[in-house]
Amino acid sequence: MNTKKERKLKPWLGWLIFFVTLVAVFLLGMLAASITERRAEITSIMYNKKVEITGIESRSEIFQQNYPREYETWTQTADTTFESEFNGSKAVDVLEQRPEMVILWAGYAFAKDYSTPRGHMHAIEDLHETLRVGAPMGPDEGPQPATCWTCKGPDVPRMMDSLGVAAFYDNKWAAYGTEIVNPIGCADCHEAESMNLRITRPGLIEGYQAMGNDINDAKHQDMRSLVCAQCHVEYYFDKETSYLTFPWHNGATMEGAEHYYDSIQFFDYTHALSKTPIIKAQHPDWEIFQTGIHAQRGVSCADCHMPYVSEGGVKYSNHHVRSPLASIDNTCQVCHRESEEDLRDAVYERQRSGNEIRNLVEKELSTAHIEAQFAWEKGASEAQMQPVLELLRQSQWRWDYAVASHGASFHSPVEYQRIMSHSLDRAHKARFAVAGVLAQLGFTGPVPMPDVSTKAKAQAYIGLDMDKERADKKQFMEVKVPEWLQTAKQNNRIVTLK
């Protein structure tokens, strides 16, 4: 009798077994659903093909018959109607909004023209139209290297495969006008045969190697960010060969890149006012994203900017690459349970905070450049100005690294504020140092400040003739671009003229 009582299960243990079984059944059901969904996805990809595509096919329209859902959403990157409190999907003249940037980029092409980016479908068109490349016409048709094309479309890996990587870079921008005509599309990120994600730009592979890593070891979830990191990163062009390199030799951080640039004494341009050797940051989106909470929790770029969609039992990635705020229910709310309004406000709160310190830095740093110019005009020596130039270089590198990274104030608000605060600190110190130099020269009053309150006034102050710039570019556009597109059409390089 006692033995039977001992063998009898206690009530709580029975309930525990029940709930454990219930959870196990639920998880198995989820796994089965995932397998079924994935099988449907693979079936759609592998067995519903209508055309065979091999090699590097740069015409995204060719993929339409096999992948109609992905193709249709990709074409929607041409849409420019989305707006948020800060920017959106249409081109906005940033220099008009923040004329201090003209002063910060004095001596560099960005002082002529800088607009907010549009969708991937506009990549070629926008590069044609910007005042930063192309003009004036002549034997070389502008000083810009062919490397400027690197991230603008799938014709780039095709040309690299044909010419060789180094030979592709070592040419002029206008030399490839008839070849690079298809905007960012399928072949930039996918193998044509399997549609597996792949890296098509050697800069990322070489950057990974510089950090002691092998890109071939990357997992699928990592690849959903790394295909973006082919372009959304910091990089520079070698001054002799125009070879594109990621400065990751000391790690993928702001300080690591700065140490590398200092070690090779690199600078993109000499500032026209202060004579500072400036490093122009590109767009280190991936690097700053890696320091944020989403990346640390395993979220990829595609999870938010190309979220999965289920349609007719098929799960696919929405290729309308855009702000997650445009579809919060399918992006943020996949993980977060707050309302759309609360989630949107949380993003805006971080962006407002980031913009506060950004505006302070731009005002302080542009003033420091003008004060340095004044010191040179007063007869300052190179020895006197060297500490000033070092501080200006460091301050501007930090400012540019942060603001050039799309979405940095949300992707990693702590890192963004850290970098900006260091920029502001060095801008302050640069101004103190200039004041000290001026005192040595016998000047102790306030430095007279020019009126640079508008884009036009700032451009005139740094010596830009914008009427000539626009006229030269207009001539270039009217003559060269139609020729390029027509030749591309005749050579079957493009499916439809954009």
Protein backbone atom coordinates (compact mmCIF):
# COMPACT_ATOMS: atom_id res chain seq x y z
CA MET A 1 0.00 0.00 0.00
CA ASN A 2 2.77 2.38 0.86
CA THR A 3 4.55 1.49 -2.37
CA LYS A 4 1.52 2.49 -4.44
CA LYS A 5 1.25 5.82 -2.65
CA GLU A 6 4.90 6.52 -3.32
CA ARG A 7 4.46 5.79 -7.02
CA LYS A 8 1.43 8.05 -7.35
CA LEU A 9 2.30 11.33 -9.08
CA LYS A 10 1.92 14.47 -7.10
CA PRO A 11 -0.73 16.85 -8.54
CA TRP A 12 1.72 19.67 -9.32
CA LEU A 13 4.01 17.28 -11.20
CA GLY A 14 1.14 16.20 -13.41
CA TRP A 15 0.32 19.80 -14.26
CA LEU A 16 4.01 20.48 -14.99
CA ILE A 17 4.14 17.58 -17.46
CA PHE A 18 0.94 18.84 -19.06
CA PHE A 19 2.26 22.35 -19.60
CA VAL A 20 5.67 21.12 -20.82
CA THR A 21 3.90 18.90 -23.33
CA LEU A 22 1.67 21.79 -24.39
CA VAL A 23 4.69 24.05 -24.98
CA ALA A 24 6.50 21.28 -26.87
CA VAL A 25 3.51 20.71 -29.13
CA PHE A 26 3.22 24.46 -29.75
CA LEU A 27 6.91 24.76 -30.66
CA LEU A 28 6.73 21.73 -32.92
CA GLY A 29 3.73 23.30 -34.62
CA MET A 30 5.65 26.53 -35.14
CA LEU A 31 8.59 24.57 -36.54
CA ALA A 32 6.32 22.64 -38.89
CA ALA A 33 4.70 25.89 -40.08
CA SER A 34 8.11 27.46 -40.64
CA ILE A 35 9.31 24.43 -42.60
CA THR A 36 6.14 24.43 -44.70
CA GLU A 37 6.48 28.17 -45.34
CA ARG A 38 10.14 27.87 -46.22
CA ARG A 39 9.37 24.91 -48.52
CA ALA A 40 6.76 27.00 -50.30
CA GLU A 41 9.28 29.83 -50.63
CA ILE A 42 11.94 27.51 -52.06
CA THR A 43 9.39 25.91 -54.39
CA SER A 44 8.41 29.35 -55.65
CA ILE A 45 12.04 30.27 -56.25
CA MET A 46 13.40 27.04 -57.66
CA TYR A 47 10.52 25.41 -59.48
CA ASN A 48 8.47 28.29 -60.86
CA LYS A 49 11.24 29.63 -63.06
CA LYS A 50 10.17 30.65 -66.52
CA VAL A 51 13.58 31.75 -67.81
CA GLU A 52 17.07 30.51 -67.05
CA ILE A 53 19.40 33.25 -65.87
CA THR A 54 23.13 32.69 -65.50
CA GLY A 55 26.24 34.74 -64.82
CA ILE A 56 26.03 38.44 -64.01
CA GLU A 57 22.74 39.62 -65.51
CA SER A 58 22.61 43.35 -64.84
CA ARG A 59 19.15 43.90 -66.35
CA SER A 60 16.79 43.46 -63.41
CA GLU A 61 13.79 43.27 -65.72
CA ILE A 62 15.01 39.85 -66.87
CA PHE A 63 14.30 38.54 -63.36
CA GLN A 64 10.68 39.69 -63.43
CA GLN A 65 9.18 36.51 -64.86
CA ASN A 66 10.81 34.29 -62.24
CA TYR A 67 10.36 36.57 -59.24
CA PRO A 68 7.35 38.81 -59.91
CA ARG A 69 6.70 39.73 -56.26
CA GLU A 70 10.26 40.76 -55.53
CA TYR A 71 10.52 42.59 -58.86
CA GLU A 72 7.27 44.51 -58.38
CA THR A 73 8.31 45.71 -54.92
CA TRP A 74 11.78 46.61 -56.24
CA THR A 75 10.24 48.93 -58.85
CA GLN A 76 8.51 50.77 -56.01
CA THR A 77 11.88 52.18 -54.91
CA ALA A 78 11.16 54.79 -57.60
CA ASP A 79 8.40 56.16 -55.35
CA THR A 80 9.31 59.46 -53.67
CA THR A 81 6.09 60.20 -51.80
CA PHE A 82 7.04 59.03 -48.30
CA GLU A 83 7.72 61.81 -45.81
CA SER A 84 8.57 61.81 -42.13
CA GLU A 85 9.43 64.56 -39.68
CA PHE A 86 13.01 64.32 -40.89
CA ASN A 87 13.55 63.74 -44.60
CA GLY A 88 11.73 61.09 -46.59
CA SER A 89 12.18 59.50 -50.01
CA LYS A 90 12.39 62.61 -52.18
CA ALA A 91 15.50 64.65 -52.87
CA VAL A 92 15.81 67.67 -50.58
CA ASP A 93 18.56 70.29 -50.93
CA VAL A 94 20.47 69.88 -47.66
CA LEU A 95 22.81 72.81 -48.37
CA GLU A 96 19.77 75.07 -48.59
CA GLN A 97 18.62 73.84 -45.19
CA ARG A 98 22.05 73.97 -43.53
CA PRO A 99 24.35 76.45 -45.33
CA GLU A 100 27.10 75.88 -42.74
CA MET A 101 27.83 72.68 -44.64
CA VAL A 102 28.99 74.74 -47.62
CA ILE A 103 31.65 76.25 -45.37
CA LEU A 104 32.60 72.86 -43.94
CA TRP A 105 33.13 71.43 -47.45
CA ALA A 106 34.84 74.50 -48.94
CA GLY A 107 37.25 73.22 -51.56
CA TYR A 108 35.33 69.99 -52.19
CA ALA A 109 32.58 69.12 -54.68
CA PHE A 110 30.00 68.52 -51.93
CA ALA A 111 29.89 72.30 -51.40
CA LYS A 112 28.30 72.56 -54.86
CA ASP A 113 25.50 70.08 -54.41
CA TYR A 114 24.26 67.76 -51.67
CA SER A 115 20.73 66.36 -51.48
CA THR A 116 19.04 63.69 -49.43
CA PRO A 117 19.12 60.28 -51.14
CA ARG A 118 16.26 58.79 -53.11
CA GLY A 119 15.40 55.13 -53.75
CA HIS A 120 17.61 52.60 -55.54
CA MET A 121 15.77 53.04 -58.84
CA HIS A 122 17.13 56.59 -59.04
CA ALA A 123 20.81 55.67 -58.50
CA ILE A 124 21.98 56.23 -62.08
CA GLU A 125 19.71 59.19 -62.71
CA ASP A 126 20.83 61.02 -59.58
CA LEU A 127 24.50 60.47 -60.35
CA HIS A 128 23.94 61.92 -63.82
CA GLU A 129 22.26 65.00 -62.39
CA THR A 130 24.44 65.92 -59.44
CA LEU A 131 26.82 68.85 -59.89
CA ARG A 132 29.55 66.81 -58.20
CA VAL A 133 30.40 64.72 -61.27
CA GLY A 134 30.61 64.98 -65.05
CA ALA A 135 31.30 68.57 -65.96
CA PRO A 136 33.18 70.33 -67.46
CA MET A 137 33.31 68.59 -70.83
CA GLY A 138 36.71 67.99 -72.36
CA PRO A 139 39.19 65.23 -73.21
CA ASP A 140 38.68 63.58 -69.82
CA GLU A 141 35.15 64.91 -69.27
CA GLY A 142 35.65 65.81 -65.63
CA PRO A 143 38.20 64.86 -62.99
CA GLN A 144 36.12 62.20 -61.23
CA PRO A 145 37.40 58.61 -61.39
CA ALA A 146 35.37 55.64 -62.58
CA THR A 147 35.36 54.46 -58.96
CA CYS A 148 32.43 56.84 -58.40
CA TRP A 149 30.24 54.28 -60.20
CA THR A 150 31.08 51.44 -57.80
CA CYS A 151 27.81 51.38 -55.88
CA LYS A 152 25.41 52.56 -58.56
CA GLY A 153 24.23 49.35 -60.18
CA PRO A 154 24.76 45.73 -61.28
CA ASP A 155 26.66 46.76 -64.40
CA VAL A 156 29.57 47.40 -62.03
CA PRO A 157 30.25 43.75 -61.11
CA ARG A 158 29.76 42.87 -64.79
CA MET A 159 32.41 45.41 -65.79
CA MET A 160 34.74 44.38 -62.98
CA ASP A 161 34.44 40.78 -64.13
CA SER A 162 35.19 41.83 -67.70
CA LEU A 163 38.01 44.33 -67.12
CA GLY A 164 39.45 43.30 -63.78
CA VAL A 165 38.88 45.20 -60.55
CA ALA A 166 41.98 47.42 -60.62
CA ALA A 167 41.49 48.27 -64.30
CA PHE A 168 37.85 49.19 -63.65
CA TYR A 169 38.84 51.72 -60.98
CA ASP A 170 41.73 53.17 -62.99
CA ASN A 171 39.67 55.14 -65.50
CA LYS A 172 37.54 58.26 -65.76
CA TRP A 173 33.91 58.45 -64.66
CA ALA A 174 32.62 59.36 -68.13
CA ALA A 175 34.38 56.38 -69.74
CA TYR A 176 31.65 53.99 -68.53
CA GLY A 177 28.61 56.12 -69.34
CA THR A 178 27.39 53.73 -72.05
CA GLU A 179 27.94 50.66 -69.87
CA ILE A 180 26.70 51.49 -66.38
CA VAL A 181 23.06 52.20 -67.09
CA ASN A 182 20.97 49.88 -64.90
CA PRO A 183 20.15 51.10 -61.38
CA ILE A 184 20.83 49.11 -58.21
CA GLY A 185 19.05 45.80 -58.66
CA CYS A 186 18.99 42.01 -58.46
CA ALA A 187 22.55 41.16 -59.49
CA ASP A 188 24.05 43.55 -56.95
CA CYS A 189 23.12 41.16 -54.14
CA HIS A 190 22.07 37.81 -55.65
CA GLU A 191 23.51 34.90 -57.62
CA ALA A 192 21.43 34.61 -60.78
CA GLU A 193 21.15 30.81 -60.70
CA SER A 194 20.06 30.29 -57.07
CA MET A 195 19.25 33.83 -55.89
CA ASN A 196 21.47 33.20 -52.87
CA LEU A 197 22.87 36.37 -51.35
CA ARG A 198 26.37 37.14 -52.55
CA ILE A 199 29.00 39.84 -52.21
CA THR A 200 29.71 41.48 -55.57
CA ARG A 201 31.94 44.35 -54.46
CA PRO A 202 35.58 43.49 -53.68
CA GLY A 203 35.89 46.38 -51.21
CA LEU A 204 33.85 44.53 -48.59
CA ILE A 205 35.71 41.25 -49.09
CA GLU A 206 39.04 43.03 -48.74
CA GLY A 207 37.79 45.06 -45.77
CA TYR A 208 36.81 41.86 -43.99
CA GLN A 209 40.25 40.43 -44.73
CA ALA A 210 41.89 43.56 -43.30
CA MET A 211 40.12 42.80 -39.99
CA GLY A 212 41.30 39.18 -40.12
CA ASN A 213 37.90 37.80 -41.14
CA ASP A 214 36.63 35.74 -44.08
CA ILE A 215 33.40 36.93 -45.68
CA ASN A 216 32.70 33.33 -46.72
CA ASP A 217 32.13 32.45 -43.07
CA ALA A 218 29.22 34.89 -42.76
CA LYS A 219 25.86 33.37 -41.80
CA HIS A 220 22.69 34.03 -43.79
CA GLN A 221 21.34 36.53 -41.25
CA ASP A 222 24.64 38.40 -41.35
CA MET A 223 24.48 38.42 -45.14
CA ARG A 224 21.15 40.24 -44.93
CA SER A 225 23.17 43.19 -43.65
CA LEU A 226 26.47 42.57 -45.42
CA VAL A 227 24.98 42.91 -48.90
CA CYS A 228 24.02 46.44 -47.78
CA ALA A 229 27.51 46.94 -46.32
CA GLN A 230 28.97 46.63 -49.82
CA CYS A 231 28.03 50.30 -50.27
CA HIS A 232 26.64 51.72 -47.03
CA VAL A 233 30.07 52.05 -45.41
CA GLU A 234 33.08 54.32 -45.09
CA TYR A 235 35.69 53.99 -47.86
CA TYR A 236 38.29 56.00 -49.75
CA PHE A 237 39.92 56.12 -53.19
CA ASP A 238 43.67 55.70 -53.54
CA LYS A 239 45.00 58.98 -54.93
CA GLU A 240 47.22 57.31 -57.53
CA THR A 241 45.09 54.38 -58.74
CA SER A 242 41.58 55.34 -57.52
CA TYR A 243 41.36 51.86 -55.98
CA LEU A 244 38.49 51.68 -53.49
CA THR A 245 39.43 50.57 -49.97
CA PHE A 246 37.58 50.17 -46.68
CA PRO A 247 39.71 51.59 -43.81
CA TRP A 248 39.01 48.67 -41.47
CA HIS A 249 42.64 47.74 -40.77
CA ASN A 250 42.20 48.81 -37.13
CA GLY A 251 38.58 47.68 -36.87
CA ALA A 252 35.30 49.05 -38.19
CA THR A 253 35.09 52.03 -35.85
CA MET A 254 35.41 55.78 -36.26
CA GLU A 255 38.66 55.87 -34.28
CA GLY A 256 40.02 52.82 -36.11
CA ALA A 257 39.47 54.46 -39.49
CA GLU A 258 40.99 57.72 -38.28
CA HIS A 259 44.12 55.93 -37.02
CA TYR A 260 44.47 54.22 -40.37
CA TYR A 261 44.07 57.46 -42.33
CA ASP A 262 46.59 59.21 -40.07
CA SER A 263 49.07 56.36 -40.50
CA ILE A 264 49.07 56.79 -44.28
CA GLN A 265 48.74 60.60 -44.07
CA PHE A 266 45.57 60.52 -46.13
CA PHE A 267 43.22 63.41 -46.80
CA ASP A 268 40.51 63.90 -49.41
CA TYR A 269 41.01 67.64 -49.87
CA THR A 270 42.62 70.72 -48.38
CA HIS A 271 40.02 73.05 -46.90
CA ALA A 272 39.79 76.21 -49.01
CA LEU A 273 39.53 78.54 -46.00
CA SER A 274 41.42 77.00 -43.08
CA LYS A 275 43.92 74.94 -45.13
CA THR A 276 43.07 71.85 -43.07
CA PRO A 277 43.76 68.43 -44.65
CA ILE A 278 40.21 67.03 -44.45
CA ILE A 279 39.01 63.42 -44.47
CA LYS A 280 35.60 63.34 -46.16
CA ALA A 281 33.46 60.60 -44.64
CA GLN A 282 31.26 58.67 -47.03
CA HIS A 283 28.32 56.91 -45.35
CA PRO A 284 29.40 54.54 -42.55
CA ASP A 285 25.87 53.25 -42.02
CA TRP A 286 26.86 49.63 -41.37
CA GLU A 287 29.68 50.51 -38.97
CA ILE A 288 27.50 52.71 -36.75
CA PHE A 289 24.55 50.31 -37.02
CA GLN A 290 26.80 47.57 -35.59
CA THR A 291 27.17 49.57 -32.37
CA GLY A 292 23.40 49.86 -31.81
CA ILE A 293 20.95 47.69 -29.90
CA HIS A 294 19.24 46.25 -32.98
CA ALA A 295 22.45 44.83 -34.45
CA GLN A 296 23.47 43.55 -31.03
CA ARG A 297 20.16 41.65 -30.85
CA GLY A 298 20.75 40.03 -34.23
CA VAL A 299 18.47 42.26 -36.30
CA SER A 300 19.66 42.75 -39.89
CA CYS A 301 19.26 45.74 -42.20
CA ALA A 302 16.78 43.76 -44.31
CA ASP A 303 14.60 42.91 -41.31
CA CYS A 304 13.59 46.57 -41.06
CA HIS A 305 14.20 48.00 -44.51
CA MET A 306 13.12 44.94 -46.54
CA PRO A 307 10.71 43.11 -44.20
CA TYR A 308 9.29 39.69 -44.99
CA VAL A 309 5.79 39.52 -46.45
CA SER A 310 3.54 36.45 -46.65
CA GLU A 311 1.35 36.20 -49.70
CA GLY A 312 -0.55 33.13 -50.88
CA GLY A 313 1.46 30.84 -48.65
CA VAL A 314 4.72 32.29 -49.96
CA LYS A 315 7.07 34.27 -47.76
CA TYR A 316 9.32 36.76 -49.52
CA SER A 317 11.36 39.85 -48.75
CA ASN A 318 9.76 43.15 -49.75
CA HIS A 319 12.33 44.79 -52.03
CA HIS A 320 10.84 48.26 -51.66
CA VAL A 321 13.88 49.38 -49.67
CA ARG A 322 12.75 52.35 -47.59
CA SER A 323 12.31 53.75 -44.10
CA PRO A 324 10.72 51.31 -41.62
CA LEU A 325 8.44 54.20 -40.61
CA ALA A 326 6.60 53.73 -43.89
CA SER A 327 5.21 50.37 -42.71
CA ILE A 328 5.51 50.21 -38.95
CA ASP A 329 3.01 47.36 -38.68
CA ASN A 330 5.29 45.15 -40.76
CA THR A 331 8.60 46.36 -39.34
CA CYS A 332 8.76 47.75 -35.80
CA GLN A 333 5.63 45.96 -34.55
CA VAL A 334 6.98 42.56 -35.52
CA CYS A 335 9.02 42.80 -32.30
CA HIS A 336 7.59 45.78 -30.39
CA ARG A 337 4.08 45.86 -28.95
CA GLU A 338 3.68 49.63 -28.64
CA SER A 339 1.31 51.58 -30.86
CA GLU A 340 2.43 53.01 -34.20
CA GLU A 341 2.24 56.51 -32.74
CA ASP A 342 4.45 55.64 -29.77
CA LEU A 343 7.00 53.87 -31.93
CA ARG A 344 7.13 56.73 -34.42
CA ASP A 345 7.55 59.26 -31.60
CA ALA A 346 10.37 57.17 -30.13
CA VAL A 347 12.23 57.45 -33.44
CA TYR A 348 11.59 61.17 -33.74
CA GLU A 349 12.73 61.76 -30.15
CA ARG A 350 16.12 60.25 -30.93
CA GLN A 351 16.38 62.16 -34.19
CA ARG A 352 15.48 65.48 -32.56
CA SER A 353 18.08 64.94 -29.87
CA GLY A 354 20.72 64.05 -32.45
CA ASN A 355 19.90 67.11 -34.55
CA GLU A 356 20.34 69.43 -31.56
CA ILE A 357 24.00 68.59 -31.12
CA ARG A 358 24.51 68.32 -34.89
CA ASN A 359 23.37 71.93 -35.36
CA LEU A 360 25.66 73.10 -32.58
CA VAL A 361 28.64 71.35 -34.13
CA GLU A 362 28.00 72.73 -37.62
CA LYS A 363 27.76 76.28 -36.30
CA GLU A 364 30.86 75.99 -34.11
CA LEU A 365 33.00 74.15 -36.65
CA SER A 366 32.16 76.40 -39.61
CA THR A 367 33.02 79.40 -37.43
CA ALA A 368 36.33 77.78 -36.50
CA HIS A 369 37.26 77.36 -40.18
CA ILE A 370 36.52 81.02 -40.88
CA GLU A 371 38.53 82.12 -37.83
CA ALA A 372 41.44 79.97 -39.01
CA GLN A 373 41.25 81.67 -42.40
CA PHE A 374 41.41 85.03 -40.62
CA ALA A 375 44.51 83.91 -38.71
CA TRP A 376 46.27 82.96 -41.94
CA GLU A 377 45.39 86.35 -43.39
CA LYS A 378 46.90 88.01 -40.31
CA GLY A 379 50.20 86.29 -41.01
CA ALA A 380 50.07 83.14 -38.89
CA SER A 381 52.87 80.66 -39.55
CA GLU A 382 52.45 76.97 -40.30
CA ALA A 383 54.02 76.11 -36.96
CA GLN A 384 51.50 78.29 -35.13
CA MET A 385 48.56 76.85 -37.04
CA GLN A 386 49.51 73.17 -36.88
CA PRO A 387 47.66 72.47 -33.57
CA VAL A 388 44.61 74.29 -34.95
CA LEU A 389 44.59 72.21 -38.13
CA GLU A 390 44.87 68.96 -36.19
CA LEU A 391 41.86 69.87 -34.07
CA LEU A 392 39.85 70.97 -37.10
CA ARG A 393 40.68 67.73 -38.93
CA GLN A 394 39.60 65.65 -35.93
CA SER A 395 36.44 67.65 -35.32
CA GLN A 396 35.29 67.58 -38.93
CA TRP A 397 36.04 63.86 -39.31
CA ARG A 398 33.83 63.10 -36.32
CA TRP A 399 31.03 65.38 -37.46
CA ASP A 400 31.08 64.03 -41.01
CA TYR A 401 31.31 60.39 -39.89
CA ALA A 402 28.15 60.83 -37.82
CA VAL A 403 26.01 62.93 -40.19
CA ALA A 404 27.00 61.01 -43.33
CA SER A 405 25.69 57.80 -41.78
CA HIS A 406 22.05 57.52 -42.81
CA GLY A 407 19.83 57.06 -39.78
CA ALA A 408 22.71 57.02 -37.29
CA SER A 409 20.85 59.02 -34.64
CA PHE A 410 18.31 56.18 -34.50
CA HIS A 411 20.45 53.16 -35.39
CA SER A 412 22.84 53.91 -32.54
CA PRO A 413 21.89 57.08 -30.64
CA VAL A 414 24.49 56.57 -27.91
CA GLU A 415 27.35 56.18 -30.38
CA TYR A 416 26.04 59.08 -32.48
CA GLN A 417 25.95 61.41 -29.47
CA ARG A 418 29.39 60.20 -28.34
CA ILE A 419 30.99 60.96 -31.69
CA MET A 420 29.23 64.32 -32.00
CA SER A 421 30.21 65.38 -28.48
CA HIS A 422 33.86 64.67 -29.32
CA SER A 423 33.48 66.72 -32.49
CA LEU A 424 32.02 69.64 -30.56
CA ASP A 425 34.82 69.40 -27.97
CA ARG A 426 37.50 69.62 -30.65
CA ALA A 427 35.72 72.47 -32.45
CA HIS A 428 35.72 74.44 -29.18
CA LYS A 429 39.41 73.68 -28.65
CA ALA A 430 40.21 74.71 -32.23
CA ARG A 431 38.57 78.08 -31.66
CA PHE A 432 40.51 78.57 -28.42
CA ALA A 433 43.71 77.66 -30.23
CA VAL A 434 42.99 80.15 -33.03
CA ALA A 435 42.33 82.85 -30.45
CA GLY A 436 45.72 82.08 -28.95
CA VAL A 437 47.42 82.39 -32.34
CA LEU A 438 45.67 85.69 -33.02
CA ALA A 439 46.74 87.01 -29.63
CA GLN A 440 50.35 86.19 -30.51
CA LEU A 441 49.84 88.21 -33.67
CA GLY A 442 48.50 91.16 -31.68
CA PHE A 443 44.81 90.69 -32.46
CA THR A 444 42.47 90.25 -29.50
CA GLY A 445 39.06 91.37 -30.74
CA PRO A 446 36.25 89.23 -32.14
CA VAL A 447 36.89 87.85 -35.61
CA PRO A 448 34.58 89.50 -38.16
CA MET A 449 32.13 86.96 -39.52
CA PRO A 450 30.83 86.99 -43.14
CA ASP A 451 27.15 86.58 -43.93
CA VAL A 452 26.84 82.90 -44.86
CA SER A 453 23.23 82.54 -43.75
CA THR A 454 22.07 81.06 -47.08
CA LYS A 455 23.45 78.48 -49.47
CA ALA A 456 24.00 81.12 -52.18
CA LYS A 457 25.85 83.47 -49.83
CA ALA A 458 28.03 80.69 -48.46
CA GLN A 459 28.91 79.42 -51.95
CA ALA A 460 29.79 82.92 -53.09
CA TYR A 461 31.98 83.40 -50.01
CA ILE A 462 34.07 80.30 -50.72
CA GLY A 463 34.49 81.36 -54.36
CA LEU A 464 32.07 79.11 -56.23
CA ASP A 465 30.57 80.39 -59.50
CA MET A 466 27.36 78.39 -59.37
CA ASP A 467 25.93 79.85 -62.58
CA LYS A 468 28.90 78.41 -64.46
CA GLU A 469 28.68 75.10 -62.58
CA ARG A 470 25.02 74.70 -63.51
CA ALA A 471 25.58 75.75 -67.13
CA ASP A 472 28.45 73.28 -67.56
CA LYS A 473 26.41 70.45 -66.09
CA LYS A 474 23.37 71.31 -68.22
CA GLN A 475 25.50 71.11 -71.35
CA PHE A 476 26.92 67.79 -70.22
CA MET A 477 23.48 66.34 -69.47
CA GLU A 478 21.97 67.45 -72.79
CA VAL A 479 24.82 66.07 -74.88
CA LYS A 480 26.19 62.97 -73.16
CA VAL A 481 23.35 61.28 -71.29
CA PRO A 482 21.04 60.70 -74.30
CA GLU A 483 24.03 59.28 -76.19
CA TRP A 484 24.87 56.95 -73.33
CA LEU A 485 21.36 55.60 -72.95
CA GLN A 486 20.80 55.17 -76.68
CA THR A 487 24.08 53.30 -77.10
CA ALA A 488 23.23 51.10 -74.13
CA LYS A 489 19.86 50.28 -75.68
CA GLN A 490 21.42 49.39 -79.01
CA ASN A 491 23.95 47.13 -77.30
CA ASN A 492 21.17 45.39 -75.34
CA ARG A 493 22.62 46.62 -72.02
CA ILE A 494 19.33 48.03 -70.81
CA VAL A 495 15.77 46.76 -71.18
CA THR A 496 13.88 50.06 -70.98
CA LEU A 497 15.18 53.58 -71.27
CA LYS A 498 14.77 55.31 -67.92
